[in-house]
């Protein structure tokens, strides 16, 4: 295996591939910075919006397919309040 390039986004990916998690602080910091910069781009925002819409659509479909389980999970997530 090649050496991890610490302090880079690629280094973080190398930690992940190897199963060396949690990654070292320099690699985690580099990954966070990379992801923030990507999300600030038009393409990153569009991908994030598409993911949010897909998640909302899936949640709506599941809530209709399994209404009792959805209500129970929702109540649990809100601390018992429906």
PDB file of N, CA and C in Angstrom:
ATOM      1  N   UNK A   1       0.837  -1.188   0.000  1.00  0.00           N
ATOM      2  CA  UNK A   1       0.000   0.000   0.000  1.00  0.00           C
ATOM      3  C   UNK A   1       0.875   1.242   0.000  1.00  0.00           C
ATOM      4  N   UNK A   2       0.376   2.264  -0.686  1.00  0.00           N
ATOM      5  CA  UNK A   2       1.139   3.511  -0.722  1.00  0.00           C
ATOM      6  C   UNK A   2       0.919   4.297   0.568  1.00  0.00           C
ATOM      7  N   UNK A   3       1.829   5.211   0.825  1.00  0.00           N
ATOM      8  CA  UNK A   3       1.748   6.032   2.032  1.00  0.00           C
ATOM      9  C   UNK A   3       0.594   7.023   1.905  1.00  0.00           C
ATOM     10  N   UNK A   4      -0.021   7.337   3.014  1.00  0.00           N
ATOM     11  CA  UNK A   4      -1.117   8.307   3.040  1.00  0.00           C
ATOM     12  C   UNK A   4      -0.535   9.709   2.896  1.00  0.00           C
ATOM     13  N   UNK A   5      -1.133  10.500   2.007  1.00  0.00           N
ATOM     14  CA  UNK A   5      -0.722  11.892   1.805  1.00  0.00           C
ATOM     15  C   UNK A   5      -1.473  12.749   2.824  1.00  0.00           C
ATOM     16  N   UNK A   6      -0.948  12.824   4.023  1.00  0.00           N
ATOM     17  CA  UNK A   6      -1.636  13.509   5.112  1.00  0.00           C
ATOM     18  C   UNK A   6      -1.860  14.988   4.796  1.00  0.00           C
ATOM     19  N   UNK A   7      -2.994  15.494   5.250  1.00  0.00           N
ATOM     20  CA  UNK A   7      -3.323  16.896   5.077  1.00  0.00           C
ATOM     21  C   UNK A   7      -3.957  17.218   3.741  1.00  0.00           C
ATOM     22  N   UNK A   8      -4.407  16.198   3.013  1.00  0.00           N
ATOM     23  CA  UNK A   8      -5.048  16.421   1.717  1.00  0.00           C
ATOM     24  C   UNK A   8      -6.379  15.672   1.674  1.00  0.00           C
ATOM     25  N   UNK A   9      -7.233  16.078   0.738  1.00  0.00           N
ATOM     26  CA  UNK A   9      -8.489  15.367   0.539  1.00  0.00           C
ATOM     27  C   UNK A   9      -8.203  13.932   0.091  1.00  0.00           C
ATOM     28  N   UNK A  10      -7.200  13.778  -0.798  1.00  0.00           N
ATOM     29  CA  UNK A  10      -6.797  12.444  -1.223  1.00  0.00           C
ATOM     30  C   UNK A  10      -6.321  11.594  -0.057  1.00  0.00           C
ATOM     31  N   UNK A  11      -5.629  12.225   0.875  1.00  0.00           N
ATOM     32  CA  UNK A  11      -5.194  11.516   2.072  1.00  0.00           C
ATOM     33  C   UNK A  11      -6.374  11.010   2.877  1.00  0.00           C
ATOM     34  N   UNK A  12      -7.414  11.835   2.989  1.00  0.00           N
ATOM     35  CA  UNK A  12      -8.619  11.411   3.702  1.00  0.00           C
ATOM     36  C   UNK A  12      -9.237  10.207   3.006  1.00  0.00           C
ATOM     37  N   UNK A  13      -9.300  10.264   1.671  1.00  0.00           N
ATOM     38  CA  UNK A  13      -9.847   9.137   0.917  1.00  0.00           C
ATOM     39  C   UNK A  13      -9.004   7.875   1.131  1.00  0.00           C
ATOM     40  N   UNK A  14      -7.691   8.037   1.196  1.00  0.00           N
ATOM     41  CA  UNK A  14      -6.826   6.891   1.443  1.00  0.00           C
ATOM     42  C   UNK A  14      -7.107   6.276   2.820  1.00  0.00           C
ATOM     43  N   UNK A  15      -7.313   7.125   3.820  1.00  0.00           N
ATOM     44  CA  UNK A  15      -7.688   6.617   5.150  1.00  0.00           C
ATOM     45  C   UNK A  15      -8.970   5.785   5.038  1.00  0.00           C
ATOM     46  N   UNK A  16      -9.952   6.313   4.317  1.00  0.00           N
ATOM     47  CA  UNK A  16     -11.244   5.652   4.177  1.00  0.00           C
ATOM     48  C   UNK A  16     -11.097   4.304   3.484  1.00  0.00           C
ATOM     49  N   UNK A  17     -10.359   4.275   2.388  1.00  0.00           N
ATOM     50  CA  UNK A  17     -10.174   3.033   1.636  1.00  0.00           C
ATOM     51  C   UNK A  17      -9.483   1.978   2.494  1.00  0.00           C
ATOM     52  N   UNK A  18      -8.514   2.390   3.265  1.00  0.00           N
ATOM     53  CA  UNK A  18      -7.777   1.466   4.124  1.00  0.00           C
ATOM     54  C   UNK A  18      -8.560   1.051   5.363  1.00  0.00           C
ATOM     55  N   UNK A  19      -9.602   1.802   5.690  1.00  0.00           N
ATOM     56  CA  UNK A  19     -10.348   1.534   6.910  1.00  0.00           C
ATOM     57  C   UNK A  19      -9.706   2.168   8.130  1.00  0.00           C
ATOM     58  N   UNK A  20      -8.807   3.156   7.901  1.00  0.00           N
ATOM     59  CA  UNK A  20      -8.121   3.854   8.999  1.00  0.00           C
ATOM     60  C   UNK A  20      -8.985   5.011   9.507  1.00  0.00           C
ATOM     61  N   UNK A  21     -10.123   4.688  10.045  1.00  0.00           N
ATOM     62  CA  UNK A  21     -11.002   5.757  10.526  1.00  0.00           C
ATOM     63  C   UNK A  21     -11.135   5.668  12.030  1.00  0.00           C
ATOM     64  N   UNK A  22     -11.207   6.763  12.717  1.00  0.00           N
ATOM     65  CA  UNK A  22     -11.262   8.096  12.140  1.00  0.00           C
ATOM     66  C   UNK A  22      -9.913   8.501  11.542  1.00  0.00           C
ATOM     67  N   UNK A  23      -9.999   9.312  10.487  1.00  0.00           N
ATOM     68  CA  UNK A  23      -8.790   9.799   9.824  1.00  0.00           C
ATOM     69  C   UNK A  23      -8.052  10.763  10.741  1.00  0.00           C
ATOM     70  N   UNK A  24      -6.798  11.012  10.413  1.00  0.00           N
ATOM     71  CA  UNK A  24      -6.019  11.961  11.212  1.00  0.00           C
ATOM     72  C   UNK A  24      -6.604  13.371  11.054  1.00  0.00           C
ATOM     73  N   UNK A  25      -6.311  14.225  12.005  1.00  0.00           N
ATOM     74  CA  UNK A  25      -6.870  15.582  12.009  1.00  0.00           C
ATOM     75  C   UNK A  25      -6.508  16.358  10.743  1.00  0.00           C
ATOM     76  N   UNK A  26      -5.253  16.355  10.267  1.00  0.00           N
ATOM     77  CA  UNK A  26      -4.951  17.104   9.040  1.00  0.00           C
ATOM     78  C   UNK A  26      -5.763  16.629   7.832  1.00  0.00           C
ATOM     79  N   UNK A  27      -5.967  15.331   7.700  1.00  0.00           N
ATOM     80  CA  UNK A  27      -6.745  14.805   6.579  1.00  0.00           C
ATOM     81  C   UNK A  27      -8.232  15.144   6.740  1.00  0.00           C
ATOM     82  N   UNK A  28      -8.747  15.036   7.948  1.00  0.00           N
ATOM     83  CA  UNK A  28     -10.146  15.387   8.196  1.00  0.00           C
ATOM     84  C   UNK A  28     -10.381  16.863   7.905  1.00  0.00           C
ATOM     85  N   UNK A  29      -9.454  17.722   8.320  1.00  0.00           N
ATOM     86  CA  UNK A  29      -9.561  19.158   8.068  1.00  0.00           C
ATOM     87  C   UNK A  29      -9.538  19.442   6.569  1.00  0.00           C
ATOM     88  N   UNK A  30      -8.642  18.784   5.837  1.00  0.00           N
ATOM     89  CA  UNK A  30      -8.555  18.969   4.389  1.00  0.00           C
ATOM     90  C   UNK A  30      -9.837  18.499   3.701  1.00  0.00           C
ATOM     91  N   UNK A  31     -10.397  17.384   4.153  1.00  0.00           N
ATOM     92  CA  UNK A  31     -11.634  16.868   3.576  1.00  0.00           C
ATOM     93  C   UNK A  31     -12.788  17.831   3.817  1.00  0.00           C
ATOM     94  N   UNK A  32     -12.886  18.357   5.021  1.00  0.00           N
ATOM     95  CA  UNK A  32     -13.950  19.310   5.349  1.00  0.00           C
ATOM     96  C   UNK A  32     -13.841  20.551   4.481  1.00  0.00           C
ATOM     97  N   UNK A  33     -12.638  21.078   4.313  1.00  0.00           N
ATOM     98  CA  UNK A  33     -12.428  22.267   3.482  1.00  0.00           C
ATOM     99  C   UNK A  33     -12.802  21.987   2.025  1.00  0.00           C
ATOM    100  N   UNK A  34     -12.415  20.825   1.516  1.00  0.00           N
ATOM    101  CA  UNK A  34     -12.730  20.449   0.142  1.00  0.00           C
ATOM    102  C   UNK A  34     -14.241  20.368  -0.060  1.00  0.00           C
ATOM    103  N   UNK A  35     -14.922  19.703   0.868  1.00  0.00           N
ATOM    104  CA  UNK A  35     -16.363  19.538   0.736  1.00  0.00           C
ATOM    105  C   UNK A  35     -17.097  20.874   0.827  1.00  0.00           C
ATOM    106  N   UNK A  36     -16.665  21.754   1.721  1.00  0.00           N
ATOM    107  CA  UNK A  36     -17.286  23.081   1.819  1.00  0.00           C
ATOM    108  C   UNK A  36     -17.102  23.860   0.527  1.00  0.00           C
ATOM    109  N   UNK A  37     -15.906  23.815  -0.026  1.00  0.00           N
ATOM    110  CA  UNK A  37     -15.637  24.530  -1.279  1.00  0.00           C
ATOM    111  C   UNK A  37     -16.483  23.950  -2.410  1.00  0.00           C
ATOM    112  N   UNK A  38     -16.604  22.633  -2.468  1.00  0.00           N
ATOM    113  CA  UNK A  38     -17.412  22.004  -3.513  1.00  0.00           C
ATOM    114  C   UNK A  38     -18.874  22.398  -3.387  1.00  0.00           C
ATOM    115  N   UNK A  39     -19.405  22.376  -2.149  1.00  0.00           N
ATOM    116  CA  UNK A  39     -20.811  22.723  -1.949  1.00  0.00           C
ATOM    117  C   UNK A  39     -21.093  24.179  -2.289  1.00  0.00           C
ATOM    118  N   UNK A  40     -20.074  25.019  -2.299  1.00  0.00           N
ATOM    119  CA  UNK A  40     -20.248  26.438  -2.624  1.00  0.00           C
ATOM    120  C   UNK A  40     -20.306  26.675  -4.136  1.00  0.00           C
ATOM    121  N   UNK A  41     -19.967  25.667  -4.942  1.00  0.00           N
ATOM    122  CA  UNK A  41     -20.005  25.825  -6.398  1.00  0.00           C
ATOM    123  C   UNK A  41     -21.427  25.594  -6.895  1.00  0.00           C
ATOM    124  N   UNK A  42     -21.760  26.130  -8.078  1.00  0.00           N
ATOM    125  CA  UNK A  42     -23.101  25.873  -8.630  1.00  0.00           C
ATOM    126  C   UNK A  42     -23.404  24.386  -8.774  1.00  0.00           C
ATOM    127  N   UNK A  43     -22.419  23.612  -9.218  1.00  0.00           N
ATOM    128  CA  UNK A  43     -22.649  22.169  -9.366  1.00  0.00           C
ATOM    129  C   UNK A  43     -22.871  21.512  -8.011  1.00  0.00           C
ATOM    130  N   UNK A  44     -22.095  21.909  -7.020  1.00  0.00           N
ATOM    131  CA  UNK A  44     -22.252  21.356  -5.677  1.00  0.00           C
ATOM    132  C   UNK A  44     -23.610  21.687  -5.089  1.00  0.00           C
ATOM    133  N   UNK A  45     -24.057  22.920  -5.289  1.00  0.00           N
ATOM    134  CA  UNK A  45     -25.387  23.307  -4.790  1.00  0.00           C
ATOM    135  C   UNK A  45     -26.478  22.525  -5.502  1.00  0.00           C
ATOM    136  N   UNK A  46     -26.336  22.347  -6.817  1.00  0.00           N
ATOM    137  CA  UNK A  46     -27.339  21.595  -7.580  1.00  0.00           C
ATOM    138  C   UNK A  46     -27.392  20.145  -7.111  1.00  0.00           C
ATOM    139  N   UNK A  47     -26.227  19.533  -6.879  1.00  0.00           N
ATOM    140  CA  UNK A  47     -26.201  18.148  -6.393  1.00  0.00           C
ATOM    141  C   UNK A  47     -26.838  18.047  -5.019  1.00  0.00           C
ATOM    142  N   UNK A  48     -26.559  19.029  -4.156  1.00  0.00           N
ATOM    143  CA  UNK A  48     -27.135  19.026  -2.802  1.00  0.00           C
ATOM    144  C   UNK A  48     -28.651  19.165  -2.883  1.00  0.00           C
ATOM    145  N   UNK A  49     -29.134  20.068  -3.734  1.00  0.00           N
ATOM    146  CA  UNK A  49     -30.573  20.259  -3.893  1.00  0.00           C
ATOM    147  C   UNK A  49     -31.229  18.989  -4.423  1.00  0.00           C
ATOM    148  N   UNK A  50     -30.593  18.342  -5.402  1.00  0.00           N
ATOM    149  CA  UNK A  50     -31.140  17.102  -5.952  1.00  0.00           C
ATOM    150  C   UNK A  50     -31.206  16.022  -4.877  1.00  0.00           C
ATOM    151  N   UNK A  51     -30.188  15.946  -4.025  1.00  0.00           N
ATOM    152  CA  UNK A  51     -30.181  14.952  -2.951  1.00  0.00           C
ATOM    153  C   UNK A  51     -31.287  15.224  -1.946  1.00  0.00           C
ATOM    154  N   UNK A  52     -31.493  16.493  -1.606  1.00  0.00           N
ATOM    155  CA  UNK A  52     -32.556  16.854  -0.654  1.00  0.00           C
ATOM    156  C   UNK A  52     -33.918  16.501  -1.232  1.00  0.00           C
ATOM    157  N   UNK A  53     -34.138  16.823  -2.509  1.00  0.00           N
ATOM    158  CA  UNK A  53     -35.423  16.498  -3.141  1.00  0.00           C
ATOM    159  C   UNK A  53     -35.654  14.991  -3.200  1.00  0.00           C
ATOM    160  N   UNK A  54     -34.611  14.234  -3.510  1.00  0.00           N
ATOM    161  CA  UNK A  54     -34.737  12.774  -3.568  1.00  0.00           C
ATOM    162  C   UNK A  54     -35.063  12.207  -2.195  1.00  0.00           C
ATOM    163  N   UNK A  55     -34.386  12.731  -1.152  1.00  0.00           N
ATOM    164  CA  UNK A  55     -34.643  12.248   0.214  1.00  0.00           C
ATOM    165  C   UNK A  55     -36.074  12.565   0.624  1.00  0.00           C
ATOM    166  N   UNK A  56     -36.541  13.773   0.321  1.00  0.00           N
ATOM    167  CA  UNK A  56     -37.918  14.151   0.675  1.00  0.00           C
ATOM    168  C   UNK A  56     -38.927  13.278  -0.054  1.00  0.00           C
ATOM    169  N   UNK A  57     -38.668  12.998  -1.325  1.00  0.00           N
ATOM    170  CA  UNK A  57     -39.571  12.152  -2.107  1.00  0.00           C
ATOM    171  C   UNK A  57     -39.615  10.736  -1.534  1.00  0.00           C
ATOM    172  N   UNK A  58     -38.450  10.194  -1.192  1.00  0.00           N
ATOM    173  CA  UNK A  58     -38.396   8.845  -0.623  1.00  0.00           C
ATOM    174  C   UNK A  58     -39.104   8.795   0.729  1.00  0.00           C
ATOM    175  N   UNK A  59     -38.895   9.811   1.551  1.00  0.00           N
ATOM    176  CA  UNK A  59     -39.535   9.855   2.862  1.00  0.00           C
ATOM    177  C   UNK A  59     -41.055   9.922   2.721  1.00  0.00           C
ATOM    178  N   UNK A  60     -41.520  10.730   1.771  1.00  0.00           N
ATOM    179  CA  UNK A  60     -42.967  10.835   1.541  1.00  0.00           C
ATOM    180  C   UNK A  60     -43.538   9.479   1.103  1.00  0.00           C
ATOM    181  N   UNK A  61     -42.847   8.804   0.188  1.00  0.00           N
ATOM    182  CA  UNK A  61     -43.315   7.497  -0.287  1.00  0.00           C
ATOM    183  C   UNK A  61     -43.336   6.482   0.853  1.00  0.00           C
ATOM    184  N   UNK A  62     -42.283   6.475   1.669  1.00  0.00           N
ATOM    185  CA  UNK A  62     -42.249   5.542   2.802  1.00  0.00           C
ATOM    186  C   UNK A  62     -43.331   5.852   3.833  1.00  0.00           C
ATOM    187  N   UNK A  63     -43.579   7.141   4.071  1.00  0.00           N
ATOM    188  CA  UNK A  63     -44.598   7.498   5.062  1.00  0.00           C
ATOM    189  C   UNK A  63     -45.986   7.070   4.606  1.00  0.00           C
ATOM    190  N   UNK A  64     -46.218   7.060   3.285  1.00  0.00           N
ATOM    191  CA  UNK A  64     -47.515   6.602   2.772  1.00  0.00           C
ATOM    192  C   UNK A  64     -47.600   5.080   2.762  1.00  0.00           C
ATOM    193  N   UNK A  65     -46.474   4.424   2.503  1.00  0.00           N
ATOM    194  CA  UNK A  65     -46.466   2.960   2.452  1.00  0.00           C
ATOM    195  C   UNK A  65     -46.520   2.338   3.849  1.00  0.00           C
ATOM    196  N   UNK A  66     -45.960   3.038   4.836  1.00  0.00           N
ATOM    197  CA  UNK A  66     -45.888   2.500   6.205  1.00  0.00           C
ATOM    198  C   UNK A  66     -46.271   3.594   7.210  1.00  0.00           C
ATOM    199  N   UNK A  67     -47.535   4.025   7.206  1.00  0.00           N
ATOM    200  CA  UNK A  67     -47.926   5.171   8.032  1.00  0.00           C
ATOM    201  C   UNK A  67     -47.756   4.958   9.536  1.00  0.00           C
ATOM    202  N   UNK A  68     -48.047   3.776  10.033  1.00  0.00           N
ATOM    203  CA  UNK A  68     -47.938   3.541  11.472  1.00  0.00           C
ATOM    204  C   UNK A  68     -46.478   3.585  11.927  1.00  0.00           C
ATOM    205  N   UNK A  69     -45.606   2.911  11.170  1.00  0.00           N
ATOM    206  CA  UNK A  69     -44.185   2.936  11.515  1.00  0.00           C
ATOM    207  C   UNK A  69     -43.617   4.352  11.408  1.00  0.00           C
ATOM    208  N   UNK A  70     -44.052   5.085  10.373  1.00  0.00           N
ATOM    209  CA  UNK A  70     -43.575   6.460  10.200  1.00  0.00           C
ATOM    210  C   UNK A  70     -43.965   7.326  11.400  1.00  0.00           C
ATOM    211  N   UNK A  71     -45.224   7.234  11.811  1.00  0.00           N
ATOM    212  CA  UNK A  71     -45.679   8.034  12.962  1.00  0.00           C
ATOM    213  C   UNK A  71     -44.907   7.687  14.226  1.00  0.00           C
ATOM    214  N   UNK A  72     -44.648   6.402  14.430  1.00  0.00           N
ATOM    215  CA  UNK A  72     -43.899   5.966  15.619  1.00  0.00           C
ATOM    216  C   UNK A  72     -42.469   6.484  15.573  1.00  0.00           C
ATOM    217  N   UNK A  73     -41.820   6.354  14.435  1.00  0.00           N
ATOM    218  CA  UNK A  73     -40.442   6.852  14.304  1.00  0.00           C
ATOM    219  C   UNK A  73     -40.378   8.375  14.455  1.00  0.00           C
ATOM    220  N   UNK A  74     -41.348   9.058  13.885  1.00  0.00           N
ATOM    221  CA  UNK A  74     -41.402  10.516  13.972  1.00  0.00           C
ATOM    222  C   UNK A  74     -41.581  10.941  15.425  1.00  0.00           C
ATOM    223  N   UNK A  75     -42.472  10.262  16.131  1.00  0.00           N
ATOM    224  CA  UNK A  75     -42.708  10.588  17.546  1.00  0.00           C
ATOM    225  C   UNK A  75     -41.451  10.340  18.371  1.00  0.00           C
ATOM    226  N   UNK A  76     -40.767   9.233  18.109  1.00  0.00           N
ATOM    227  CA  UNK A  76     -39.519   8.933  18.824  1.00  0.00           C
ATOM    228  C   UNK A  76     -38.468  10.005  18.570  1.00  0.00           C
ATOM    229  N   UNK A  77     -38.361  10.427  17.305  1.00  0.00           N
ATOM    230  CA  UNK A  77     -37.368  11.439  16.943  1.00  0.00           C
ATOM    231  C   UNK A  77     -37.663  12.781  17.612  1.00  0.00           C
ATOM    232  N   UNK A  78     -38.923  13.057  17.857  1.00  0.00           N
ATOM    233  CA  UNK A  78     -39.298  14.320  18.492  1.00  0.00           C
ATOM    234  C   UNK A  78     -39.350  14.183  20.008  1.00  0.00           C
ATOM    235  N   UNK A  79     -38.888  13.079  20.528  1.00  0.00           N
ATOM    236  CA  UNK A  79     -38.866  12.901  21.976  1.00  0.00           C
ATOM    237  C   UNK A  79     -40.201  12.433  22.526  1.00  0.00           C
ATOM    238  N   UNK A  80     -40.972  11.737  21.727  1.00  0.00           N
ATOM    239  CA  UNK A  80     -42.247  11.212  22.179  1.00  0.00           C
ATOM    240  C   UNK A  80     -43.429  12.087  21.834  1.00  0.00           C
ATOM    241  N   UNK A  81     -43.190  13.301  21.359  1.00  0.00           N
ATOM    242  CA  UNK A  81     -44.286  14.203  21.002  1.00  0.00           C
ATOM    243  C   UNK A  81     -44.622  14.021  19.521  1.00  0.00           C
ATOM    244  N   UNK A  82     -45.888  13.818  19.225  1.00  0.00           N
ATOM    245  CA  UNK A  82     -46.310  13.633  17.823  1.00  0.00           C
ATOM    246  C   UNK A  82     -46.529  14.877  17.116  1.00  0.00           C
TER     247      UNK A  82
END
